[in-house]
Amino acid sequence: ATTETLDAANVAQQSKWQEASAQGLIPPSQVARVWNVTEDARLDLVVCAPMDGQRVGLHEFFTTGDGRQILTPTAHPFCRCFLTIELDS
């Protein structure tokens, strides 16, 4: 249930960022989404660890450590990664 809850929250956040972009509140050309890991004993060293700090555009996909393309976390069961956005000045 934790994975599904976090997955839903991350998808909802992405949807809100896209909505804000469509309303002109955040310009897609000036925003980067950043993948953040939770660094503890449960961190998946193959899938998520290599993604820490990976930056992509608002509508672009992340590349997991095992080569998959995904839009938002979760990348695997029990994944606790999260996204932030950074605005370019």
C-alpha atoms as a PDB file:
ATOM      1  CA  ALA A   1       0.000   0.000   0.000  1.00  0.00           C
ATOM      2  CA  THR A   2       2.918   2.376   0.643  1.00  0.00           C
ATOM      3  CA  THR A   3       4.158   2.127  -2.937  1.00  0.00           C
ATOM      4  CA  GLU A   4       0.700   2.792  -4.369  1.00  0.00           C
ATOM      5  CA  THR A   5       0.154   5.770  -2.060  1.00  0.00           C
ATOM      6  CA  LEU A   6       3.490   7.348  -2.955  1.00  0.00           C
ATOM      7  CA  ASP A   7       2.923   6.636  -6.646  1.00  0.00           C
ATOM      8  CA  ALA A   8      -0.455   8.406  -6.537  1.00  0.00           C
ATOM      9  CA  ALA A   9       1.028  11.389  -4.693  1.00  0.00           C
ATOM     10  CA  ASN A  10       3.881  11.737  -7.203  1.00  0.00           C
ATOM     11  CA  VAL A  11       1.534  11.481 -10.200  1.00  0.00           C
ATOM     12  CA  ALA A  12      -0.743  14.117  -8.628  1.00  0.00           C
ATOM     13  CA  GLN A  13       2.217  16.447  -8.055  1.00  0.00           C
ATOM     14  CA  GLN A  14       3.311  16.055 -11.682  1.00  0.00           C
ATOM     15  CA  SER A  15      -0.235  16.833 -12.808  1.00  0.00           C
ATOM     16  CA  LYS A  16      -0.273  20.026 -10.716  1.00  0.00           C
ATOM     17  CA  TRP A  17       3.064  21.154 -12.158  1.00  0.00           C
ATOM     18  CA  GLN A  18       1.759  20.563 -15.682  1.00  0.00           C
ATOM     19  CA  GLU A  19      -1.443  22.454 -14.844  1.00  0.00           C
ATOM     20  CA  ALA A  20       0.578  25.376 -13.484  1.00  0.00           C
ATOM     21  CA  SER A  21       2.637  25.337 -16.668  1.00  0.00           C
ATOM     22  CA  ALA A  22      -0.486  25.372 -18.853  1.00  0.00           C
ATOM     23  CA  GLN A  23      -1.727  28.399 -16.881  1.00  0.00           C
ATOM     24  CA  GLY A  24       1.558  30.217 -17.466  1.00  0.00           C
ATOM     25  CA  LEU A  25       2.588  30.110 -13.814  1.00  0.00           C
ATOM     26  CA  ILE A  26       5.769  28.112 -14.427  1.00  0.00           C
ATOM     27  CA  PRO A  27       7.435  28.315 -17.843  1.00  0.00           C
ATOM     28  CA  PRO A  28       8.458  24.811 -18.992  1.00  0.00           C
ATOM     29  CA  SER A  29      11.665  26.130 -20.543  1.00  0.00           C
ATOM     30  CA  GLN A  30      12.807  27.457 -17.161  1.00  0.00           C
ATOM     31  CA  VAL A  31      11.964  24.528 -14.901  1.00  0.00           C
ATOM     32  CA  ALA A  32      13.798  21.295 -14.173  1.00  0.00           C
ATOM     33  CA  ARG A  33      12.405  18.372 -12.221  1.00  0.00           C
ATOM     34  CA  VAL A  34      14.990  16.774  -9.947  1.00  0.00           C
ATOM     35  CA  TRP A  35      14.980  13.165  -8.705  1.00  0.00           C
ATOM     36  CA  ASN A  36      15.779  12.819  -4.986  1.00  0.00           C
ATOM     37  CA  VAL A  37      16.463   9.594  -3.117  1.00  0.00           C
ATOM     38  CA  THR A  38      15.974   8.724   0.522  1.00  0.00           C
ATOM     39  CA  GLU A  39      19.460   7.704   1.570  1.00  0.00           C
ATOM     40  CA  ASP A  40      19.182   4.862   4.039  1.00  0.00           C
ATOM     41  CA  ALA A  41      19.563   1.078   4.173  1.00  0.00           C
ATOM     42  CA  ARG A  42      16.455   0.578   2.003  1.00  0.00           C
ATOM     43  CA  LEU A  43      17.773   2.598  -0.956  1.00  0.00           C
ATOM     44  CA  ASP A  44      17.827   0.497  -4.141  1.00  0.00           C
ATOM     45  CA  LEU A  45      21.449   0.812  -5.271  1.00  0.00           C
ATOM     46  CA  VAL A  46      20.739  -0.403  -8.819  1.00  0.00           C
ATOM     47  CA  VAL A  47      17.523   1.424  -9.731  1.00  0.00           C
ATOM     48  CA  CYS A  48      17.384   4.644  -7.719  1.00  0.00           C
ATOM     49  CA  ALA A  49      20.821   5.497  -6.345  1.00  0.00           C
ATOM     50  CA  PRO A  50      22.212   6.386  -9.810  1.00  0.00           C
ATOM     51  CA  MET A  51      19.235   8.706 -10.346  1.00  0.00           C
ATOM     52  CA  ASP A  52      19.889  10.967  -7.352  1.00  0.00           C
ATOM     53  CA  GLY A  53      20.068  14.533  -8.628  1.00  0.00           C
ATOM     54  CA  GLN A  54      19.065  13.629 -12.196  1.00  0.00           C
ATOM     55  CA  ARG A  55      17.473  16.678 -13.841  1.00  0.00           C
ATOM     56  CA  VAL A  56      14.928  16.609 -16.652  1.00  0.00           C
ATOM     57  CA  GLY A  57      12.436  19.035 -18.154  1.00  0.00           C
ATOM     58  CA  LEU A  58       8.855  19.372 -16.981  1.00  0.00           C
ATOM     59  CA  HIS A  59       7.530  16.907 -19.572  1.00  0.00           C
ATOM     60  CA  GLU A  60      10.603  14.689 -19.957  1.00  0.00           C
ATOM     61  CA  PHE A  61      11.247  11.200 -18.634  1.00  0.00           C
ATOM     62  CA  PHE A  62      13.851  10.108 -16.113  1.00  0.00           C
ATOM     63  CA  THR A  63      16.127   7.155 -16.876  1.00  0.00           C
ATOM     64  CA  THR A  64      16.321   4.627 -14.051  1.00  0.00           C
ATOM     65  CA  GLY A  65      19.529   2.867 -13.109  1.00  0.00           C
ATOM     66  CA  ASP A  66      18.259  -0.232 -14.917  1.00  0.00           C
ATOM     67  CA  GLY A  67      17.515   1.730 -18.104  1.00  0.00           C
ATOM     68  CA  ARG A  68      13.752   2.258 -17.924  1.00  0.00           C
ATOM     69  CA  GLN A  69      12.102   5.569 -18.776  1.00  0.00           C
ATOM     70  CA  ILE A  70       9.647   6.857 -16.152  1.00  0.00           C
ATOM     71  CA  LEU A  71       7.889  10.170 -15.599  1.00  0.00           C
ATOM     72  CA  THR A  72       7.604  10.062 -11.799  1.00  0.00           C
ATOM     73  CA  PRO A  73       8.535   7.889  -8.834  1.00  0.00           C
ATOM     74  CA  THR A  74       7.912   5.187  -7.801  1.00  0.00           C
ATOM     75  CA  ALA A  75      10.574   3.233  -9.685  1.00  0.00           C
ATOM     76  CA  HIS A  76      10.148  -0.086  -7.856  1.00  0.00           C
ATOM     77  CA  PRO A  77       8.203  -1.555  -4.928  1.00  0.00           C
ATOM     78  CA  PHE A  78       8.925   0.296  -1.674  1.00  0.00           C
ATOM     79  CA  CYS A  79      10.538   3.193  -3.580  1.00  0.00           C
ATOM     80  CA  ARG A  80      10.538   6.346  -1.443  1.00  0.00           C
ATOM     81  CA  CYS A  81      12.068   8.730  -3.941  1.00  0.00           C
ATOM     82  CA  PHE A  82      10.511  12.107  -4.574  1.00  0.00           C
ATOM     83  CA  LEU A  83      10.744  14.986  -7.018  1.00  0.00           C
ATOM     84  CA  THR A  84      11.462  18.651  -6.575  1.00  0.00           C
ATOM     85  CA  ILE A  85      11.505  21.395  -9.156  1.00  0.00           C
ATOM     86  CA  GLU A  86      14.116  24.049  -9.701  1.00  0.00           C
ATOM     87  CA  LEU A  87      13.429  27.246 -11.585  1.00  0.00           C
ATOM     88  CA  ASP A  88      16.221  28.633 -13.731  1.00  0.00           C
ATOM     89  CA  SER A  89      16.819  32.319 -13.330  1.00  0.00           C
END
